[in-house]
């Protein structure tokens, strides 16, 4: 089963919702930026899944593995925090 096309297709759902709610008030779940952030987060997690097979390569050094894990954790946390960030700060009207 290939997860790439499935995740790409699923990420079009929030993108379509963002297009639909383009002019609604800011800082709610009906905000188009909120749905664009969700779509971006879904694609970011797809990219995190694709690096997983590269970790089984025996030729990777310990330093490379450390850098892969560091960047993957930072990327995953940034994706999760971005949803909360866009929701909270858009509600205040500071973004």
PDB file of N, CA and C in Angstrom:
ATOM      1  N   UNK A   1       0.833  -1.170   0.000  1.00  0.00           N
ATOM      2  CA  UNK A   1       0.000   0.000   0.000  1.00  0.00           C
ATOM      3  C   UNK A   1       0.886   1.245   0.000  1.00  0.00           C
ATOM      4  N   UNK A   2       0.619   2.138  -0.908  1.00  0.00           N
ATOM      5  CA  UNK A   2       1.400   3.358  -1.018  1.00  0.00           C
ATOM      6  C   UNK A   2       0.691   4.487  -0.274  1.00  0.00           C
ATOM      7  N   UNK A   3       1.346   5.011   0.742  1.00  0.00           N
ATOM      8  CA  UNK A   3       0.709   6.008   1.592  1.00  0.00           C
ATOM      9  C   UNK A   3       0.795   7.419   1.014  1.00  0.00           C
ATOM     10  N   UNK A   4       1.731   7.661   0.115  1.00  0.00           N
ATOM     11  CA  UNK A   4       1.913   8.995  -0.450  1.00  0.00           C
ATOM     12  C   UNK A   4       0.681   9.540  -1.155  1.00  0.00           C
ATOM     13  N   UNK A   5       0.149   8.825  -2.146  1.00  0.00           N
ATOM     14  CA  UNK A   5      -1.049   9.342  -2.817  1.00  0.00           C
ATOM     15  C   UNK A   5      -2.261   9.445  -1.898  1.00  0.00           C
ATOM     16  N   UNK A   6      -2.384   8.520  -0.963  1.00  0.00           N
ATOM     17  CA  UNK A   6      -3.521   8.558  -0.041  1.00  0.00           C
ATOM     18  C   UNK A   6      -3.443   9.803   0.844  1.00  0.00           C
ATOM     19  N   UNK A   7      -2.271  10.076   1.410  1.00  0.00           N
ATOM     20  CA  UNK A   7      -2.111  11.254   2.267  1.00  0.00           C
ATOM     21  C   UNK A   7      -2.278  12.541   1.469  1.00  0.00           C
ATOM     22  N   UNK A   8      -1.796  12.545   0.241  1.00  0.00           N
ATOM     23  CA  UNK A   8      -1.959  13.741  -0.591  1.00  0.00           C
ATOM     24  C   UNK A   8      -3.426  14.002  -0.887  1.00  0.00           C
ATOM     25  N   UNK A   9      -4.163  12.951  -1.178  1.00  0.00           N
ATOM     26  CA  UNK A   9      -5.586  13.124  -1.438  1.00  0.00           C
ATOM     27  C   UNK A   9      -6.342  13.552  -0.181  1.00  0.00           C
ATOM     28  N   UNK A  10      -5.978  12.985   0.956  1.00  0.00           N
ATOM     29  CA  UNK A  10      -6.648  13.368   2.205  1.00  0.00           C
ATOM     30  C   UNK A  10      -6.354  14.817   2.589  1.00  0.00           C
ATOM     31  N   UNK A  11      -5.180  15.307   2.220  1.00  0.00           N
ATOM     32  CA  UNK A  11      -4.850  16.692   2.556  1.00  0.00           C
ATOM     33  C   UNK A  11      -5.614  17.683   1.687  1.00  0.00           C
ATOM     34  N   UNK A  12      -6.229  17.213   0.614  1.00  0.00           N
ATOM     35  CA  UNK A  12      -7.033  18.133  -0.190  1.00  0.00           C
ATOM     36  C   UNK A  12      -8.359  18.464   0.495  1.00  0.00           C
ATOM     37  N   UNK A  13      -8.782  17.651   1.456  1.00  0.00           N
ATOM     38  CA  UNK A  13     -10.038  17.930   2.162  1.00  0.00           C
ATOM     39  C   UNK A  13      -9.935  19.234   2.950  1.00  0.00           C
ATOM     40  N   UNK A  14      -8.908  19.416   3.819  1.00  0.00           N
ATOM     41  CA  UNK A  14      -8.809  20.709   4.496  1.00  0.00           C
ATOM     42  C   UNK A  14      -8.529  21.864   3.537  1.00  0.00           C
ATOM     43  N   UNK A  15      -7.810  21.596   2.442  1.00  0.00           N
ATOM     44  CA  UNK A  15      -7.562  22.658   1.467  1.00  0.00           C
ATOM     45  C   UNK A  15      -8.861  23.100   0.805  1.00  0.00           C
ATOM     46  N   UNK A  16      -9.745  22.162   0.519  1.00  0.00           N
ATOM     47  CA  UNK A  16     -11.051  22.511  -0.058  1.00  0.00           C
ATOM     48  C   UNK A  16     -11.898  23.276   0.954  1.00  0.00           C
ATOM     49  N   UNK A  17     -11.817  22.892   2.222  1.00  0.00           N
ATOM     50  CA  UNK A  17     -12.542  23.624   3.258  1.00  0.00           C
ATOM     51  C   UNK A  17     -12.001  25.048   3.404  1.00  0.00           C
ATOM     52  N   UNK A  18     -10.688  25.196   3.259  1.00  0.00           N
ATOM     53  CA  UNK A  18     -10.093  26.539   3.327  1.00  0.00           C
ATOM     54  C   UNK A  18     -10.599  27.398   2.179  1.00  0.00           C
ATOM     55  N   UNK A  19     -10.723  26.811   1.020  1.00  0.00           N
ATOM     56  CA  UNK A  19     -11.253  27.555  -0.123  1.00  0.00           C
ATOM     57  C   UNK A  19     -12.714  27.931   0.103  1.00  0.00           C
ATOM     58  N   UNK A  20     -13.463  27.024   0.698  1.00  0.00           N
ATOM     59  CA  UNK A  20     -14.886  27.266   0.937  1.00  0.00           C
ATOM     60  C   UNK A  20     -15.108  28.373   1.976  1.00  0.00           C
ATOM     61  N   UNK A  21     -14.295  28.383   3.028  1.00  0.00           N
ATOM     62  CA  UNK A  21     -14.465  29.356   4.106  1.00  0.00           C
ATOM     63  C   UNK A  21     -13.499  30.524   3.964  1.00  0.00           C
ATOM     64  N   UNK A  22     -13.271  30.972   2.766  1.00  0.00           N
ATOM     65  CA  UNK A  22     -12.284  32.016   2.513  1.00  0.00           C
ATOM     66  C   UNK A  22     -12.579  33.359   3.155  1.00  0.00           C
ATOM     67  N   UNK A  23     -13.820  33.739   3.341  1.00  0.00           N
ATOM     68  CA  UNK A  23     -14.112  35.068   3.834  1.00  0.00           C
ATOM     69  C   UNK A  23     -14.760  35.119   5.195  1.00  0.00           C
ATOM     70  N   UNK A  24     -14.656  34.071   5.966  1.00  0.00           N
ATOM     71  CA  UNK A  24     -15.319  34.014   7.271  1.00  0.00           C
ATOM     72  C   UNK A  24     -14.403  34.621   8.332  1.00  0.00           C
ATOM     73  N   UNK A  25     -14.949  34.919   9.493  1.00  0.00           N
ATOM     74  CA  UNK A  25     -14.203  35.616  10.541  1.00  0.00           C
ATOM     75  C   UNK A  25     -12.952  34.862  10.966  1.00  0.00           C
ATOM     76  N   UNK A  26     -12.007  35.638  11.465  1.00  0.00           N
ATOM     77  CA  UNK A  26     -10.708  35.092  11.835  1.00  0.00           C
ATOM     78  C   UNK A  26     -10.744  34.478  13.219  1.00  0.00           C
ATOM     79  N   UNK A  27      -9.834  33.512  13.447  1.00  0.00           N
ATOM     80  CA  UNK A  27      -9.649  32.936  14.765  1.00  0.00           C
ATOM     81  C   UNK A  27     -10.629  31.846  15.148  1.00  0.00           C
ATOM     82  N   UNK A  28     -11.363  31.319  14.191  1.00  0.00           N
ATOM     83  CA  UNK A  28     -12.281  30.223  14.467  1.00  0.00           C
ATOM     84  C   UNK A  28     -11.876  29.027  13.615  1.00  0.00           C
ATOM     85  N   UNK A  29     -12.571  27.920  13.802  1.00  0.00           N
ATOM     86  CA  UNK A  29     -12.295  26.764  12.958  1.00  0.00           C
ATOM     87  C   UNK A  29     -12.882  26.945  11.565  1.00  0.00           C
ATOM     88  N   UNK A  30     -13.578  28.029  11.335  1.00  0.00           N
ATOM     89  CA  UNK A  30     -14.089  28.342  10.010  1.00  0.00           C
ATOM     90  C   UNK A  30     -13.160  29.300   9.265  1.00  0.00           C
ATOM     91  N   UNK A  31     -11.974  29.527   9.808  1.00  0.00           N
ATOM     92  CA  UNK A  31     -10.985  30.403   9.201  1.00  0.00           C
ATOM     93  C   UNK A  31     -10.227  29.618   8.129  1.00  0.00           C
ATOM     94  N   UNK A  32     -10.023  30.215   6.969  1.00  0.00           N
ATOM     95  CA  UNK A  32      -9.343  29.497   5.887  1.00  0.00           C
ATOM     96  C   UNK A  32      -7.891  29.194   6.234  1.00  0.00           C
ATOM     97  N   UNK A  33      -7.232  30.069   6.990  1.00  0.00           N
ATOM     98  CA  UNK A  33      -5.848  29.815   7.393  1.00  0.00           C
ATOM     99  C   UNK A  33      -5.745  28.590   8.292  1.00  0.00           C
ATOM    100  N   UNK A  34      -6.750  28.376   9.109  1.00  0.00           N
ATOM    101  CA  UNK A  34      -6.768  27.205   9.972  1.00  0.00           C
ATOM    102  C   UNK A  34      -6.754  25.925   9.134  1.00  0.00           C
ATOM    103  N   UNK A  35      -7.581  25.871   8.112  1.00  0.00           N
ATOM    104  CA  UNK A  35      -7.631  24.673   7.271  1.00  0.00           C
ATOM    105  C   UNK A  35      -6.388  24.531   6.399  1.00  0.00           C
ATOM    106  N   UNK A  36      -5.802  25.631   5.976  1.00  0.00           N
ATOM    107  CA  UNK A  36      -4.541  25.551   5.231  1.00  0.00           C
ATOM    108  C   UNK A  36      -3.431  25.000   6.127  1.00  0.00           C
ATOM    109  N   UNK A  37      -3.455  25.379   7.397  1.00  0.00           N
ATOM    110  CA  UNK A  37      -2.463  24.861   8.340  1.00  0.00           C
ATOM    111  C   UNK A  37      -2.655  23.369   8.567  1.00  0.00           C
ATOM    112  N   UNK A  38      -3.901  22.928   8.648  1.00  0.00           N
ATOM    113  CA  UNK A  38      -4.178  21.497   8.798  1.00  0.00           C
ATOM    114  C   UNK A  38      -3.672  20.724   7.584  1.00  0.00           C
ATOM    115  N   UNK A  39      -3.922  21.242   6.381  1.00  0.00           N
ATOM    116  CA  UNK A  39      -3.454  20.579   5.163  1.00  0.00           C
ATOM    117  C   UNK A  39      -1.931  20.511   5.135  1.00  0.00           C
ATOM    118  N   UNK A  40      -1.274  21.596   5.522  1.00  0.00           N
ATOM    119  CA  UNK A  40       0.186  21.597   5.576  1.00  0.00           C
ATOM    120  C   UNK A  40       0.728  20.627   6.603  1.00  0.00           C
ATOM    121  N   UNK A  41       0.039  20.526   7.741  1.00  0.00           N
ATOM    122  CA  UNK A  41       0.460  19.594   8.775  1.00  0.00           C
ATOM    123  C   UNK A  41       0.356  18.147   8.281  1.00  0.00           C
ATOM    124  N   UNK A  42      -0.716  17.850   7.556  1.00  0.00           N
ATOM    125  CA  UNK A  42      -0.881  16.490   7.036  1.00  0.00           C
ATOM    126  C   UNK A  42       0.236  16.143   6.056  1.00  0.00           C
ATOM    127  N   UNK A  43       0.591  17.066   5.198  1.00  0.00           N
ATOM    128  CA  UNK A  43       1.676  16.811   4.245  1.00  0.00           C
ATOM    129  C   UNK A  43       3.032  16.736   4.948  1.00  0.00           C
ATOM    130  N   UNK A  44       3.195  17.496   6.017  1.00  0.00           N
ATOM    131  CA  UNK A  44       4.441  17.416   6.776  1.00  0.00           C
ATOM    132  C   UNK A  44       4.594  16.055   7.430  1.00  0.00           C
ATOM    133  N   UNK A  45       3.516  15.516   7.973  1.00  0.00           N
ATOM    134  CA  UNK A  45       3.591  14.183   8.564  1.00  0.00           C
ATOM    135  C   UNK A  45       3.832  13.116   7.502  1.00  0.00           C
ATOM    136  N   UNK A  46       3.358  13.354   6.288  1.00  0.00           N
ATOM    137  CA  UNK A  46       3.682  12.439   5.185  1.00  0.00           C
ATOM    138  C   UNK A  46       5.186  12.434   4.941  1.00  0.00           C
ATOM    139  N   UNK A  47       5.797  13.603   4.957  1.00  0.00           N
ATOM    140  CA  UNK A  47       7.246  13.652   4.740  1.00  0.00           C
ATOM    141  C   UNK A  47       8.007  12.999   5.892  1.00  0.00           C
ATOM    142  N   UNK A  48       7.447  13.056   7.105  1.00  0.00           N
ATOM    143  CA  UNK A  48       8.101  12.384   8.227  1.00  0.00           C
ATOM    144  C   UNK A  48       8.025  10.867   8.092  1.00  0.00           C
ATOM    145  N   UNK A  49       6.947  10.384   7.502  1.00  0.00           N
ATOM    146  CA  UNK A  49       6.810   8.941   7.306  1.00  0.00           C
ATOM    147  C   UNK A  49       7.780   8.434   6.240  1.00  0.00           C
ATOM    148  N   UNK A  50       8.053   9.260   5.251  1.00  0.00           N
ATOM    149  CA  UNK A  50       8.902   8.800   4.145  1.00  0.00           C
ATOM    150  C   UNK A  50      10.373   8.653   4.540  1.00  0.00           C
ATOM    151  N   UNK A  51      10.819   9.317   5.603  1.00  0.00           N
ATOM    152  CA  UNK A  51      12.218   9.163   5.995  1.00  0.00           C
ATOM    153  C   UNK A  51      12.455   7.860   6.764  1.00  0.00           C
ATOM    154  N   UNK A  52      11.407   7.237   7.251  1.00  0.00           N
ATOM    155  CA  UNK A  52      11.540   6.059   8.103  1.00  0.00           C
ATOM    156  C   UNK A  52      12.347   4.921   7.462  1.00  0.00           C
ATOM    157  N   UNK A  53      12.113   4.558   6.195  1.00  0.00           N
ATOM    158  CA  UNK A  53      12.917   3.466   5.610  1.00  0.00           C
ATOM    159  C   UNK A  53      14.404   3.778   5.523  1.00  0.00           C
ATOM    160  N   UNK A  54      14.773   5.054   5.448  1.00  0.00           N
ATOM    161  CA  UNK A  54      16.192   5.382   5.349  1.00  0.00           C
ATOM    162  C   UNK A  54      16.948   5.081   6.637  1.00  0.00           C
ATOM    163  N   UNK A  55      16.255   4.961   7.748  1.00  0.00           N
ATOM    164  CA  UNK A  55      16.935   4.665   9.006  1.00  0.00           C
ATOM    165  C   UNK A  55      17.435   3.229   9.088  1.00  0.00           C
ATOM    166  N   UNK A  56      16.888   2.358   8.258  1.00  0.00           N
ATOM    167  CA  UNK A  56      17.339   0.964   8.291  1.00  0.00           C
ATOM    168  C   UNK A  56      18.602   0.740   7.468  1.00  0.00           C
ATOM    169  N   UNK A  57      19.104   1.780   6.828  1.00  0.00           N
ATOM    170  CA  UNK A  57      20.328   1.661   6.037  1.00  0.00           C
ATOM    171  C   UNK A  57      21.523   1.466   6.966  1.00  0.00           C
ATOM    172  N   UNK A  58      22.260   0.364   6.827  1.00  0.00           N
ATOM    173  CA  UNK A  58      23.383   0.108   7.743  1.00  0.00           C
ATOM    174  C   UNK A  58      24.574   1.045   7.523  1.00  0.00           C
ATOM    175  N   UNK A  59      24.600   1.761   6.408  1.00  0.00           N
ATOM    176  CA  UNK A  59      25.737   2.644   6.130  1.00  0.00           C
ATOM    177  C   UNK A  59      25.596   4.025   6.762  1.00  0.00           C
ATOM    178  N   UNK A  60      24.461   4.298   7.388  1.00  0.00           N
ATOM    179  CA  UNK A  60      24.285   5.592   8.050  1.00  0.00           C
ATOM    180  C   UNK A  60      25.141   5.661   9.307  1.00  0.00           C
ATOM    181  N   UNK A  61      25.808   6.772   9.471  1.00  0.00           N
ATOM    182  CA  UNK A  61      26.609   6.950  10.681  1.00  0.00           C
ATOM    183  C   UNK A  61      25.702   7.360  11.837  1.00  0.00           C
ATOM    184  N   UNK A  62      26.244   7.304  13.018  1.00  0.00           N
ATOM    185  CA  UNK A  62      25.487   7.686  14.213  1.00  0.00           C
ATOM    186  C   UNK A  62      25.126   9.169  14.149  1.00  0.00           C
ATOM    187  N   UNK A  63      26.049   9.971  13.624  1.00  0.00           N
ATOM    188  CA  UNK A  63      25.788  11.404  13.500  1.00  0.00           C
ATOM    189  C   UNK A  63      24.614  11.657  12.545  1.00  0.00           C
ATOM    190  N   UNK A  64      24.558  10.925  11.447  1.00  0.00           N
ATOM    191  CA  UNK A  64      23.454  11.090  10.495  1.00  0.00           C
ATOM    192  C   UNK A  64      22.126  10.689  11.116  1.00  0.00           C
ATOM    193  N   UNK A  65      22.128   9.589  11.838  1.00  0.00           N
ATOM    194  CA  UNK A  65      20.900   9.162  12.512  1.00  0.00           C
ATOM    195  C   UNK A  65      20.437  10.196  13.534  1.00  0.00           C
ATOM    196  N   UNK A  66      21.382  10.747  14.274  1.00  0.00           N
ATOM    197  CA  UNK A  66      21.043  11.773  15.257  1.00  0.00           C
ATOM    198  C   UNK A  66      20.431  12.999  14.588  1.00  0.00           C
ATOM    199  N   UNK A  67      21.028  13.437  13.481  1.00  0.00           N
ATOM    200  CA  UNK A  67      20.502  14.604  12.777  1.00  0.00           C
ATOM    201  C   UNK A  67      19.125  14.331  12.177  1.00  0.00           C
ATOM    202  N   UNK A  68      18.921  13.141  11.644  1.00  0.00           N
ATOM    203  CA  UNK A  68      17.612  12.785  11.093  1.00  0.00           C
ATOM    204  C   UNK A  68      16.554  12.827  12.191  1.00  0.00           C
ATOM    205  N   UNK A  69      16.849  12.226  13.327  1.00  0.00           N
ATOM    206  CA  UNK A  69      15.876  12.203  14.420  1.00  0.00           C
ATOM    207  C   UNK A  69      15.633  13.594  14.988  1.00  0.00           C
ATOM    208  N   UNK A  70      16.687  14.391  15.115  1.00  0.00           N
ATOM    209  CA  UNK A  70      16.537  15.747  15.636  1.00  0.00           C
ATOM    210  C   UNK A  70      15.636  16.582  14.737  1.00  0.00           C
ATOM    211  N   UNK A  71      15.909  16.546  13.442  1.00  0.00           N
ATOM    212  CA  UNK A  71      15.096  17.322  12.504  1.00  0.00           C
ATOM    213  C   UNK A  71      13.672  16.786  12.413  1.00  0.00           C
ATOM    214  N   UNK A  72      13.513  15.480  12.499  1.00  0.00           N
ATOM    215  CA  UNK A  72      12.167  14.896  12.434  1.00  0.00           C
ATOM    216  C   UNK A  72      11.338  15.297  13.653  1.00  0.00           C
ATOM    217  N   UNK A  73      11.929  15.264  14.829  1.00  0.00           N
ATOM    218  CA  UNK A  73      11.205  15.654  16.043  1.00  0.00           C
ATOM    219  C   UNK A  73      10.858  17.137  15.994  1.00  0.00           C
ATOM    220  N   UNK A  74      11.805  17.964  15.586  1.00  0.00           N
ATOM    221  CA  UNK A  74      11.545  19.395  15.479  1.00  0.00           C
ATOM    222  C   UNK A  74      10.441  19.678  14.454  1.00  0.00           C
ATOM    223  N   UNK A  75      10.475  18.986  13.347  1.00  0.00           N
ATOM    224  CA  UNK A  75       9.459  19.167  12.312  1.00  0.00           C
ATOM    225  C   UNK A  75       8.081  18.738  12.795  1.00  0.00           C
ATOM    226  N   UNK A  76       8.009  17.593  13.463  1.00  0.00           N
ATOM    227  CA  UNK A  76       6.728  17.119  13.981  1.00  0.00           C
ATOM    228  C   UNK A  76       6.144  18.049  15.029  1.00  0.00           C
ATOM    229  N   UNK A  77       6.995  18.515  15.944  1.00  0.00           N
ATOM    230  CA  UNK A  77       6.518  19.448  16.967  1.00  0.00           C
ATOM    231  C   UNK A  77       6.083  20.776  16.359  1.00  0.00           C
ATOM    232  N   UNK A  78       6.822  21.243  15.375  1.00  0.00           N
ATOM    233  CA  UNK A  78       6.448  22.493  14.718  1.00  0.00           C
ATOM    234  C   UNK A  78       5.106  22.364  14.017  1.00  0.00           C
ATOM    235  N   UNK A  79       4.868  21.221  13.412  1.00  0.00           N
ATOM    236  CA  UNK A  79       3.580  21.015  12.745  1.00  0.00           C
ATOM    237  C   UNK A  79       2.435  21.019  13.731  1.00  0.00           C
ATOM    238  N   UNK A  80       2.623  20.376  14.867  1.00  0.00           N
ATOM    239  CA  UNK A  80       1.563  20.343  15.877  1.00  0.00           C
ATOM    240  C   UNK A  80       1.340  21.712  16.511  1.00  0.00           C
ATOM    241  N   UNK A  81       2.411  22.423  16.781  1.00  0.00           N
ATOM    242  CA  UNK A  81       2.302  23.722  17.422  1.00  0.00           C
ATOM    243  C   UNK A  81       1.700  24.751  16.462  1.00  0.00           C
ATOM    244  N   UNK A  82       1.929  24.587  15.170  1.00  0.00           N
ATOM    245  CA  UNK A  82       1.435  25.572  14.208  1.00  0.00           C
ATOM    246  C   UNK A  82      -0.084  25.671  14.223  1.00  0.00           C
ATOM    247  N   UNK A  83      -0.761  24.552  14.426  1.00  0.00           N
ATOM    248  CA  UNK A  83      -2.225  24.581  14.473  1.00  0.00           C
ATOM    249  C   UNK A  83      -2.683  25.385  15.677  1.00  0.00           C
ATOM    250  N   UNK A  84      -2.105  25.119  16.815  1.00  0.00           N
ATOM    251  CA  UNK A  84      -2.466  25.855  18.035  1.00  0.00           C
ATOM    252  C   UNK A  84      -2.097  27.331  17.896  1.00  0.00           C
ATOM    253  N   UNK A  85      -0.944  27.596  17.316  1.00  0.00           N
ATOM    254  CA  UNK A  85      -0.477  28.965  17.147  1.00  0.00           C
ATOM    255  C   UNK A  85      -1.425  29.762  16.252  1.00  0.00           C
ATOM    256  N   UNK A  86      -1.790  29.204  15.114  1.00  0.00           N
ATOM    257  CA  UNK A  86      -2.650  29.934  14.177  1.00  0.00           C
ATOM    258  C   UNK A  86      -4.032  30.144  14.774  1.00  0.00           C
ATOM    259  N   UNK A  87      -4.505  29.194  15.568  1.00  0.00           N
ATOM    260  CA  UNK A  87      -5.830  29.310  16.155  1.00  0.00           C
ATOM    261  C   UNK A  87      -5.859  30.362  17.268  1.00  0.00           C
ATOM    262  N   UNK A  88      -4.868  30.333  18.160  1.00  0.00           N
ATOM    263  CA  UNK A  88      -4.849  31.270  19.289  1.00  0.00           C
ATOM    264  C   UNK A  88      -4.541  32.698  18.845  1.00  0.00           C
ATOM    265  N   UNK A  89      -3.516  32.881  18.046  1.00  0.00           N
ATOM    266  CA  UNK A  89      -3.101  34.230  17.707  1.00  0.00           C
ATOM    267  C   UNK A  89      -3.986  34.877  16.653  1.00  0.00           C
ATOM    268  N   UNK A  90      -4.610  34.079  15.803  1.00  0.00           N
ATOM    269  CA  UNK A  90      -5.558  34.664  14.857  1.00  0.00           C
ATOM    270  C   UNK A  90      -6.810  35.140  15.581  1.00  0.00           C
ATOM    271  N   UNK A  91      -7.145  34.474  16.661  1.00  0.00           N
ATOM    272  CA  UNK A  91      -8.316  34.894  17.437  1.00  0.00           C
ATOM    273  C   UNK A  91      -8.087  36.270  18.055  1.00  0.00           C
ATOM    274  N   UNK A  92      -6.863  36.529  18.477  1.00  0.00           N
ATOM    275  CA  UNK A  92      -6.547  37.825  19.069  1.00  0.00           C
ATOM    276  C   UNK A  92      -6.429  38.923  18.010  1.00  0.00           C
ATOM    277  N   UNK A  93      -6.259  38.530  16.771  1.00  0.00           N
ATOM    278  CA  UNK A  93      -6.137  39.498  15.690  1.00  0.00           C
ATOM    279  C   UNK A  93      -4.742  40.082  15.536  1.00  0.00           C
ATOM    280  N   UNK A  94      -3.725  39.393  16.063  1.00  0.00           N
ATOM    281  CA  UNK A  94      -2.370  39.921  15.976  1.00  0.00           C
ATOM    282  C   UNK A  94      -1.620  39.383  14.774  1.00  0.00           C
ATOM    283  N   UNK A  95      -2.175  38.432  14.064  1.00  0.00           N
ATOM    284  CA  UNK A  95      -1.493  37.917  12.881  1.00  0.00           C
ATOM    285  C   UNK A  95      -2.135  38.421  11.632  1.00  0.00           C
TER     286      UNK A  95
END
